[in-house]
């Protein structure tokens, strides 16, 4: 599905299942709450609710969900007013949960947003008694997790699907609240992200989101082990932001973690949304070359070379994959051989490619490892210390050996920067290929005439 197509699809439905998995915590709990019978008569006798509201809810709550949808076509405005009144007047958590489920059910049909719009217009223009969104904002301060998160989702639908919009002050508060929940709410994280997905469909909400600390929190979350559904929801939010070039600078930081996700992704929708994000970063971004370089460092080009061979049911995925591949292929052609080597080292994942094993590369480029205050050597030192991947460790050790083999004066740099010490430590590594590469590198460090010894041993 194209970028425009997916945005249109999201906009055509308010059903929470469009943005939340049907088995998420909120949906499961809502189904349980919906099935529980509520005794409304005691609330009327105790004057908690008004007689009019009682007459409406007592009938409406006995209907099936399908019957309720039909009833809304006849008396929707009156029913929605009653539900909002109940949201304001009821303190009992169990009953309030039930009312909120009914409100969310109303919003499962996008046509019903008109009732909330009419109520809000009456409130702001004619001094009507209730607001259609303020009660749900107030409920975000309640202690009950279900009430808080169901209110969050309802509020997001009301102020993003129709024409109603939050003012700047309340928008800032709501965004900051969502950011806090990203760190605190593990159980309902799907719901918070679904709320953000809905909000980010509205162009005027995107800048406040971008300028908040939301992206910092998302970056931390994407760098941890989370479900594919959460990955999809977060990248969806990034994709919505990527349509404006000025919003792409911070998004460049997400290329590395999303590249890692892409290499491991099994779900088609996760691959699709990452490809759409990358396409925007390579097209809409104010720094497309930087985006391409970061993708190459993250070995996105390797992943797309594999993806382009797959038979996709969705033609739009194929188109996005081919577009990203074409841009990255052009970038790779423009890059020098050493640029490619530098990009691979920066990626943190090294492989046995000709860049490492070709003597001609080292004869031509060994001294370039000294550039920018030995930038490459310092990065290799970090990999030798922190990396666990055996292939990366073996290639790093090999590169240290090739560096001094073709640039003997570099032995001083290797000693000074602590690279030799790191290579020595690899002799204790459990992987035999790592041990062998480390031993070979140390031989090159200690021998003045490596070529002679290599021929003698042969």
Protein backbone atom coordinates (compact mmCIF):
# COMPACT_ATOMS: atom_id res chain seq x y z
CA UNK A 1 0.00 0.00 0.00
CA UNK A 2 1.35 3.42 -0.89
CA UNK A 3 1.91 6.16 1.66
CA UNK A 4 -1.18 8.02 0.56
CA UNK A 5 -3.19 4.81 0.37
CA UNK A 6 -2.35 3.68 3.87
CA UNK A 7 -3.08 7.10 5.34
CA UNK A 8 -6.43 7.07 3.60
CA UNK A 9 -7.15 3.59 4.87
CA UNK A 10 -6.41 4.58 8.45
CA UNK A 11 -8.55 7.65 8.02
CA UNK A 12 -11.51 5.65 6.74
CA UNK A 13 -12.08 3.77 9.97
CA UNK A 14 -12.14 4.61 13.63
CA UNK A 15 -12.20 0.98 14.73
CA UNK A 16 -9.43 0.53 17.27
CA UNK A 17 -8.56 -2.79 15.67
CA UNK A 18 -7.13 -0.81 12.76
CA UNK A 19 -4.35 0.38 15.02
CA UNK A 20 -4.37 -2.11 17.88
CA UNK A 21 -4.11 -5.86 17.69
CA UNK A 22 -7.40 -7.57 18.51
CA UNK A 23 -5.73 -9.45 21.34
CA UNK A 24 -4.23 -6.43 23.09
CA UNK A 25 -4.95 -5.90 26.80
CA UNK A 26 -7.48 -3.11 26.31
CA UNK A 27 -9.59 -5.02 23.79
CA UNK A 28 -9.60 -8.20 25.88
CA UNK A 29 -10.59 -6.33 29.04
CA UNK A 30 -13.22 -4.30 27.17
CA UNK A 31 -14.89 -7.51 25.96
CA UNK A 32 -15.09 -8.74 29.55
CA UNK A 33 -16.52 -5.44 30.81
CA UNK A 34 -19.06 -5.26 27.99
CA UNK A 35 -20.46 -8.63 29.04
CA UNK A 36 -21.01 -7.58 32.66
CA UNK A 37 -24.54 -6.47 33.55
CA UNK A 38 -24.97 -3.10 35.29
CA UNK A 39 -27.83 -2.29 37.66
CA UNK A 40 -28.81 1.26 36.68
CA UNK A 41 -31.87 1.60 38.96
CA UNK A 42 -29.87 2.13 42.20
CA UNK A 43 -27.97 4.99 40.54
CA UNK A 44 -31.26 6.68 39.72
CA UNK A 45 -32.64 6.20 43.25
CA UNK A 46 -29.48 7.67 44.78
CA UNK A 47 -29.62 10.62 42.34
CA UNK A 48 -26.22 9.78 40.87
CA UNK A 49 -27.75 9.94 37.40
CA UNK A 50 -30.71 11.91 36.08
CA UNK A 51 -34.01 10.32 35.09
CA UNK A 52 -33.58 11.19 31.41
CA UNK A 53 -30.16 9.57 31.28
CA UNK A 54 -31.51 6.54 33.13
CA UNK A 55 -34.34 6.10 30.61
CA UNK A 56 -31.83 6.19 27.75
CA UNK A 57 -29.12 3.92 29.21
CA UNK A 58 -31.50 1.38 30.74
CA UNK A 59 -32.78 0.53 27.25
CA UNK A 60 -29.57 1.06 25.27
CA UNK A 61 -27.44 -1.16 27.54
CA UNK A 62 -29.72 -4.16 27.06
CA UNK A 63 -29.13 -4.17 23.29
CA UNK A 64 -26.50 -6.15 21.43
CA UNK A 65 -23.67 -4.12 19.89
CA UNK A 66 -25.27 -4.50 16.46
CA UNK A 67 -28.62 -3.25 17.80
CA UNK A 68 -26.87 -0.32 19.45
CA UNK A 69 -25.30 0.68 16.13
CA UNK A 70 -28.74 0.69 14.54
CA UNK A 71 -30.21 2.68 17.43
CA UNK A 72 -27.52 5.32 17.05
CA UNK A 73 -28.74 6.01 13.53
CA UNK A 74 -32.11 7.02 15.00
CA UNK A 75 -31.21 8.67 18.33
CA UNK A 76 -27.43 9.05 18.24
CA UNK A 77 -27.10 12.60 19.58
CA UNK A 78 -29.30 11.88 22.59
CA UNK A 79 -27.46 8.62 23.36
CA UNK A 80 -24.00 10.20 23.13
CA UNK A 81 -25.09 13.08 25.40
CA UNK A 82 -26.29 10.52 27.94
CA UNK A 83 -23.04 8.56 27.79
CA UNK A 84 -20.97 11.72 28.34
CA UNK A 85 -23.24 12.74 31.23
CA UNK A 86 -22.70 9.34 32.81
CA UNK A 87 -18.96 9.67 32.32
CA UNK A 88 -19.07 12.90 34.32
CA UNK A 89 -21.46 11.85 37.09
CA UNK A 90 -20.40 8.27 37.88
CA UNK A 91 -17.54 7.65 40.31
CA UNK A 92 -17.84 3.87 40.70
CA UNK A 93 -14.93 2.46 38.74
CA UNK A 94 -16.67 -0.71 37.55
CA UNK A 95 -19.66 1.21 36.15
CA UNK A 96 -17.45 3.94 34.68
CA UNK A 97 -15.41 1.28 32.87
CA UNK A 98 -18.66 -0.03 31.38
CA UNK A 99 -19.74 3.42 30.20
CA UNK A 100 -16.35 4.04 28.57
CA UNK A 101 -16.60 0.76 26.68
CA UNK A 102 -19.98 1.88 25.35
CA UNK A 103 -18.51 5.23 24.28
CA UNK A 104 -15.67 3.51 22.46
CA UNK A 105 -18.17 1.21 20.76
CA UNK A 106 -20.01 4.27 19.48
CA UNK A 107 -16.76 5.50 17.93
CA UNK A 108 -16.15 2.19 16.16
CA UNK A 109 -18.28 3.69 13.38
CA UNK A 110 -16.64 6.85 12.03
CA UNK A 111 -20.01 8.29 11.09
CA UNK A 112 -20.82 8.74 14.79
CA UNK A 113 -18.10 11.36 15.29
CA UNK A 114 -20.68 13.90 14.08
CA UNK A 115 -22.53 13.60 17.40
CA UNK A 116 -19.41 14.56 19.36
CA UNK A 117 -18.79 17.47 17.00
CA UNK A 118 -22.34 18.76 17.44
CA UNK A 119 -22.15 18.49 21.22
CA UNK A 120 -18.84 20.39 21.30
CA UNK A 121 -20.20 23.10 19.00
CA UNK A 122 -23.20 23.54 21.30
CA UNK A 123 -20.78 23.82 24.24
CA UNK A 124 -18.44 26.39 22.70
CA UNK A 125 -20.85 28.44 20.61
CA UNK A 126 -24.11 28.28 22.58
CA UNK A 127 -22.92 27.60 26.10
CA UNK A 128 -24.06 23.98 26.11
CA UNK A 129 -23.65 22.15 29.45
CA UNK A 130 -21.10 19.53 28.37
CA UNK A 131 -17.96 19.26 26.27
CA UNK A 132 -17.54 16.20 24.09
CA UNK A 133 -13.84 15.73 24.91
CA UNK A 134 -12.97 17.47 28.21
CA UNK A 135 -14.44 14.72 30.43
CA UNK A 136 -12.10 12.17 28.85
CA UNK A 137 -9.10 14.44 29.34
CA UNK A 138 -10.03 14.75 33.02
CA UNK A 139 -10.24 10.96 33.37
CA UNK A 140 -6.55 10.61 32.49
CA UNK A 141 -5.84 11.53 36.11
CA UNK A 142 -7.77 8.56 37.51
CA UNK A 143 -5.84 5.71 39.20
CA UNK A 144 -7.56 2.85 37.33
CA UNK A 145 -5.43 1.75 34.35
CA UNK A 146 -8.34 0.64 32.18
CA UNK A 147 -10.26 3.88 32.71
CA UNK A 148 -7.16 5.92 31.93
CA UNK A 149 -6.24 4.07 28.75
CA UNK A 150 -9.76 3.70 27.41
CA UNK A 151 -10.23 7.45 27.95
CA UNK A 152 -6.95 8.10 26.17
CA UNK A 153 -8.10 6.18 23.10
CA UNK A 154 -11.54 7.82 23.09
CA UNK A 155 -10.04 11.30 23.42
CA UNK A 156 -7.63 10.63 20.55
CA UNK A 157 -10.48 9.52 18.30
CA UNK A 158 -12.70 12.49 19.15
CA UNK A 159 -10.00 15.12 18.52
CA UNK A 160 -8.41 13.58 15.44
CA UNK A 161 -11.04 11.81 13.33
CA UNK A 162 -13.52 14.63 12.79
CA UNK A 163 -13.03 18.38 12.78
CA UNK A 164 -12.54 18.86 16.53
CA UNK A 165 -9.02 19.77 17.59
CA UNK A 166 -7.28 20.22 20.92
CA UNK A 167 -6.05 23.73 21.69
CA UNK A 168 -2.30 24.22 22.06
CA UNK A 169 -2.28 24.10 25.86
CA UNK A 170 -4.28 20.90 26.20
CA UNK A 171 -2.45 19.31 23.26
CA UNK A 172 0.91 19.90 24.95
CA UNK A 173 -0.41 18.43 28.20
CA UNK A 174 -1.83 15.38 26.43
CA UNK A 175 1.37 14.72 24.50
CA UNK A 176 3.48 15.00 27.67
CA UNK A 177 1.08 12.61 29.38
CA UNK A 178 1.48 10.11 26.53
CA UNK A 179 5.27 10.42 26.69
CA UNK A 180 5.21 9.61 30.40
CA UNK A 181 3.03 6.57 29.70
CA UNK A 182 5.54 5.25 27.16
CA UNK A 183 7.90 4.63 30.06
CA UNK A 184 5.37 3.70 32.74
CA UNK A 185 2.66 1.64 31.03
CA UNK A 186 3.89 -1.75 29.90
CA UNK A 187 0.48 -3.41 30.02
CA UNK A 188 -1.24 -0.79 27.87
CA UNK A 189 1.65 0.29 25.66
CA UNK A 190 -0.28 -0.83 22.55
CA UNK A 191 -3.05 1.59 23.49
CA UNK A 192 -0.75 4.59 24.02
CA UNK A 193 0.86 3.99 20.64
CA UNK A 194 -2.54 3.54 19.00
CA UNK A 195 -3.53 6.91 20.44
CA UNK A 196 -0.41 8.47 18.93
CA UNK A 197 -1.09 6.81 15.59
CA UNK A 198 -4.51 8.45 15.53
CA UNK A 199 -3.21 11.84 16.62
CA UNK A 200 -0.39 11.91 14.09
CA UNK A 201 -2.86 11.57 11.25
CA UNK A 202 -3.62 15.24 11.92
CA UNK A 203 -0.89 17.43 10.32
CA UNK A 204 -1.14 20.22 12.92
CA UNK A 205 -0.43 17.77 15.75
CA UNK A 206 2.84 16.52 14.24
CA UNK A 207 5.12 19.47 15.09
CA UNK A 208 4.22 19.40 18.82
CA UNK A 209 4.89 15.65 18.87
CA UNK A 210 8.19 16.14 17.06
CA UNK A 211 9.27 18.89 19.46
CA UNK A 212 8.41 16.86 22.56
CA UNK A 213 10.60 14.15 24.11
CA UNK A 214 8.40 11.48 22.53
CA UNK A 215 10.95 10.49 19.88
CA UNK A 216 13.68 10.04 22.50
CA UNK A 217 11.47 7.59 24.39
CA UNK A 218 10.54 5.75 21.19
CA UNK A 219 14.20 5.45 20.23
CA UNK A 220 14.94 3.80 23.56
CA UNK A 221 12.00 1.42 23.18
CA UNK A 222 12.85 0.43 19.60
CA UNK A 223 16.36 -0.47 20.73
CA UNK A 224 14.95 -3.08 23.13
CA UNK A 225 13.22 -6.41 22.50
CA UNK A 226 9.55 -5.64 21.86
CA UNK A 227 6.77 -7.37 19.95
CA UNK A 228 6.40 -6.94 16.20
CA UNK A 229 3.07 -5.15 16.83
CA UNK A 230 4.77 -2.50 18.96
CA UNK A 231 7.52 -2.19 16.35
CA UNK A 232 4.89 -1.62 13.67
CA UNK A 233 3.03 0.99 15.71
CA UNK A 234 6.16 2.98 16.53
CA UNK A 235 7.47 2.95 12.97
CA UNK A 236 3.99 3.97 11.79
CA UNK A 237 4.29 7.09 14.00
CA UNK A 238 7.73 7.82 12.56
CA UNK A 239 6.39 7.38 9.05
CA UNK A 240 3.61 9.91 9.68
CA UNK A 241 6.22 12.43 10.81
CA UNK A 242 8.46 11.76 7.80
CA UNK A 243 6.16 13.52 5.32
CA UNK A 244 7.66 16.88 6.34
CA UNK A 245 11.33 17.39 5.55
CA UNK A 246 12.04 19.44 8.68
CA UNK A 247 10.85 16.50 10.79
CA UNK A 248 13.32 14.09 9.23
CA UNK A 249 16.45 15.16 11.10
CA UNK A 250 15.56 13.38 14.33
CA UNK A 251 14.20 10.45 12.35
CA UNK A 252 17.69 9.72 11.01
CA UNK A 253 18.51 8.38 14.48
CA UNK A 254 15.95 5.64 13.92
CA UNK A 255 17.63 4.18 10.85
CA UNK A 256 20.00 1.97 12.85
CA UNK A 257 17.38 0.30 15.09
CA UNK A 258 14.87 -0.06 12.26
CA UNK A 259 17.57 -1.59 10.05
CA UNK A 260 18.15 -4.19 12.75
CA UNK A 261 14.40 -4.86 12.90
CA UNK A 262 14.26 -5.12 9.10
CA UNK A 263 16.95 -7.79 9.03
CA UNK A 264 14.94 -9.93 11.45
CA UNK A 265 11.37 -9.02 10.44
CA UNK A 266 9.04 -11.85 9.51
CA UNK A 267 5.78 -9.89 9.40
CA UNK A 268 4.94 -8.29 6.07
CA UNK A 269 3.33 -5.22 7.62
CA UNK A 270 6.49 -4.44 9.61
CA UNK A 271 8.62 -4.68 6.46
CA UNK A 272 6.11 -2.53 4.57
CA UNK A 273 6.02 0.30 7.09
CA UNK A 274 9.84 0.39 7.42
CA UNK A 275 10.19 0.55 3.64
CA UNK A 276 7.69 3.41 3.52
CA UNK A 277 9.61 5.26 6.22
CA UNK A 278 12.89 4.76 4.35
CA UNK A 279 11.36 5.88 1.08
CA UNK A 280 10.20 9.11 2.68
CA UNK A 281 13.60 9.70 4.30
CA UNK A 282 15.26 9.23 0.92
CA UNK A 283 12.71 11.45 -0.84
CA UNK A 284 11.25 14.04 1.55
CA UNK A 285 14.26 14.45 3.81
CA UNK A 286 16.32 17.62 3.83
CA UNK A 287 19.36 15.32 4.09
CA UNK A 288 18.67 12.38 1.74
CA UNK A 289 22.36 11.61 1.26
CA UNK A 290 22.89 11.37 5.01
CA UNK A 291 19.85 9.08 5.22
CA UNK A 292 21.28 6.87 2.47
CA UNK A 293 24.69 6.73 4.15
CA UNK A 294 23.11 5.68 7.45
CA UNK A 295 21.10 3.00 5.67
CA UNK A 296 24.24 1.66 4.05
CA UNK A 297 25.98 1.66 7.43
CA UNK A 298 23.02 -0.30 8.77
CA UNK A 299 23.31 -2.71 5.80
CA UNK A 300 19.83 -1.90 4.60
CA UNK A 301 21.10 -2.46 1.05
CA UNK A 302 21.90 -6.07 1.96
CA UNK A 303 18.39 -6.57 3.33
CA UNK A 304 16.63 -5.00 0.33
CA UNK A 305 18.68 -7.13 -2.07
CA UNK A 306 17.07 -10.13 -0.39
CA UNK A 307 13.61 -8.56 -0.18
CA UNK A 308 13.53 -7.62 -3.85
CA UNK A 309 13.68 -11.32 -4.75
CA UNK A 310 10.53 -12.18 -2.78
CA UNK A 311 7.10 -12.59 -4.32
CA UNK A 312 4.98 -9.95 -2.59
CA UNK A 313 1.20 -10.14 -2.58
CA UNK A 314 1.13 -6.38 -2.10
CA UNK A 315 2.55 -4.68 -5.19
CA UNK A 316 3.17 -1.48 -3.21
CA UNK A 317 5.72 -3.25 -1.00
CA UNK A 318 7.59 -4.39 -4.09
CA UNK A 319 7.57 -0.83 -5.44
CA UNK A 320 8.89 0.61 -2.16
CA UNK A 321 11.61 -2.05 -1.89
CA UNK A 322 12.74 -1.44 -5.46
CA UNK A 323 12.76 2.33 -4.93
CA UNK A 324 14.90 2.09 -1.79
CA UNK A 325 17.21 -0.40 -3.50
CA UNK A 326 17.64 1.89 -6.51
CA UNK A 327 18.59 4.90 -4.37
CA UNK A 328 21.04 2.90 -2.26
CA UNK A 329 22.61 1.28 -5.33
CA UNK A 330 23.27 4.73 -6.78
CA UNK A 331 24.79 5.84 -3.50
CA UNK A 332 27.05 2.79 -3.37
CA UNK A 333 28.29 3.53 -6.89
CA UNK A 334 29.10 7.10 -5.89
CA UNK A 335 30.97 6.03 -2.77
CA UNK A 336 34.66 5.21 -2.99
CA UNK A 337 35.83 1.79 -1.87
CA UNK A 338 37.13 3.26 1.35
CA UNK A 339 33.81 5.05 1.95
CA UNK A 340 32.14 1.64 1.75
CA UNK A 341 34.64 0.21 4.21
CA UNK A 342 34.11 3.13 6.59
CA UNK A 343 30.33 2.70 6.37
CA UNK A 344 30.67 -0.98 7.25
CA UNK A 345 32.85 -0.28 10.26
CA UNK A 346 30.40 2.36 11.46
CA UNK A 347 27.59 -0.18 11.15
CA UNK A 348 29.24 -2.28 13.86
CA UNK A 349 28.74 -5.51 11.89
CA UNK A 350 31.66 -6.72 9.75
CA UNK A 351 31.66 -9.62 7.28
CA UNK A 352 34.29 -11.43 5.23
CA UNK A 353 33.91 -9.34 2.07
CA UNK A 354 36.57 -8.39 -0.53
CA UNK A 355 36.99 -5.07 1.27
CA UNK A 356 38.77 -6.97 4.03
CA UNK A 357 40.44 -9.83 2.15
CA UNK A 358 41.72 -8.07 -0.98
CA UNK A 359 45.43 -7.09 -0.59
CA UNK A 360 44.98 -4.39 -3.23
CA UNK A 361 42.47 -2.62 -0.98
CA UNK A 362 44.94 -2.56 1.91
CA UNK A 363 47.86 -1.40 -0.22
CA UNK A 364 45.77 1.53 -1.38
CA UNK A 365 43.89 2.38 1.82
CA UNK A 366 45.87 1.24 4.90
CA UNK A 367 47.13 4.75 5.66
CA UNK A 368 43.58 6.12 5.48
CA UNK A 369 42.86 4.41 8.80
CA UNK A 370 44.91 7.24 10.31
CA UNK A 371 42.50 9.94 9.11
CA UNK A 372 40.50 12.05 11.54
CA UNK A 373 42.71 11.19 14.50
CA UNK A 374 42.64 7.46 13.72
CA UNK A 375 38.82 7.40 13.63
CA UNK A 376 38.58 3.93 12.07
CA UNK A 377 41.13 2.40 14.43
CA UNK A 378 39.25 3.80 17.41
CA UNK A 379 35.98 2.32 16.15
CA UNK A 380 37.65 -1.06 15.64
CA UNK A 381 38.98 -0.87 19.21
CA UNK A 382 35.45 -0.37 20.50
CA UNK A 383 34.19 -3.34 18.48
CA UNK A 384 37.02 -5.53 19.79
CA UNK A 385 35.97 -4.62 23.32
CA UNK A 386 32.17 -4.68 23.16
CA UNK A 387 31.09 -6.81 20.19
CA UNK A 388 29.97 -10.41 20.75
CA UNK A 389 29.50 -11.48 17.12
CA UNK A 390 32.35 -13.91 16.27
CA UNK A 391 32.54 -12.89 12.62
CA UNK A 392 32.84 -9.19 13.47
CA UNK A 393 35.56 -9.92 16.05
CA UNK A 394 37.50 -12.11 13.62
CA UNK A 395 37.31 -9.52 10.83
CA UNK A 396 38.37 -6.73 13.21
CA UNK A 397 41.42 -8.70 14.28
CA UNK A 398 42.19 -9.46 10.64
CA UNK A 399 41.95 -5.75 9.73
CA UNK A 400 44.37 -4.78 12.49
CA UNK A 401 46.87 -7.27 11.06
CA UNK A 402 46.40 -6.03 7.49
CA UNK A 403 46.81 -2.43 8.63
CA UNK A 404 50.27 -3.02 10.09
CA UNK A 405 51.19 -5.40 7.29
CA UNK A 406 50.75 -2.69 4.68
CA UNK A 407 51.65 0.22 6.93
CA UNK A 408 54.39 -1.04 9.29
CA UNK A 409 54.73 2.35 11.02
CA UNK A 410 51.14 1.81 12.17
CA UNK A 411 52.37 -0.68 14.80
CA UNK A 412 52.97 2.31 17.03
CA UNK A 413 49.35 3.44 16.61
CA UNK A 414 48.08 -0.05 17.36
CA UNK A 415 50.09 -0.14 20.60
CA UNK A 416 49.21 3.42 21.58
CA UNK A 417 45.46 3.01 21.00
CA UNK A 418 45.27 -0.27 22.88
CA UNK A 419 44.35 -2.37 19.85
CA UNK A 420 47.07 -4.94 20.45
CA UNK A 421 45.78 -5.54 23.97
CA UNK A 422 42.27 -6.11 22.60
CA UNK A 423 43.54 -8.59 20.02
CA UNK A 424 45.50 -10.50 22.68
CA UNK A 425 42.28 -10.88 24.67
CA UNK A 426 40.69 -12.61 21.70
CA UNK A 427 43.07 -15.52 22.17
CA UNK A 428 40.79 -16.53 25.05
CA UNK A 429 37.66 -16.39 22.90
CA UNK A 430 35.61 -19.58 22.65
CA UNK A 431 35.26 -19.36 18.88
CA UNK A 432 38.19 -21.07 17.08
CA UNK A 433 37.92 -18.73 14.07
CA UNK A 434 38.25 -15.70 16.34
CA UNK A 435 41.30 -17.24 18.04
CA UNK A 436 42.88 -18.00 14.68
CA UNK A 437 42.30 -14.47 13.34
CA UNK A 438 43.72 -12.97 16.54
CA UNK A 439 46.81 -15.18 16.42
CA UNK A 440 47.44 -14.31 12.77
CA UNK A 441 47.06 -10.59 13.51
CA UNK A 442 49.55 -10.79 16.38
CA UNK A 443 52.05 -12.56 14.14
CA UNK A 444 51.78 -9.69 11.68
CA UNK A 445 52.30 -7.24 14.52
CA UNK A 446 55.44 -8.97 15.74
CA UNK A 447 57.10 -9.86 12.45
CA UNK A 448 58.87 -7.33 10.30
CA UNK A 449 58.77 -9.43 7.13
CA UNK A 450 55.30 -10.89 7.06
CA UNK A 451 55.33 -11.66 3.33
CA UNK A 452 58.52 -13.75 3.77
CA UNK A 453 57.07 -15.70 6.68
CA UNK A 454 53.78 -16.26 4.87
CA UNK A 455 55.60 -17.78 1.88
CA UNK A 456 57.82 -19.91 4.13
CA UNK A 457 54.82 -21.31 6.01
CA UNK A 458 53.09 -22.02 2.74
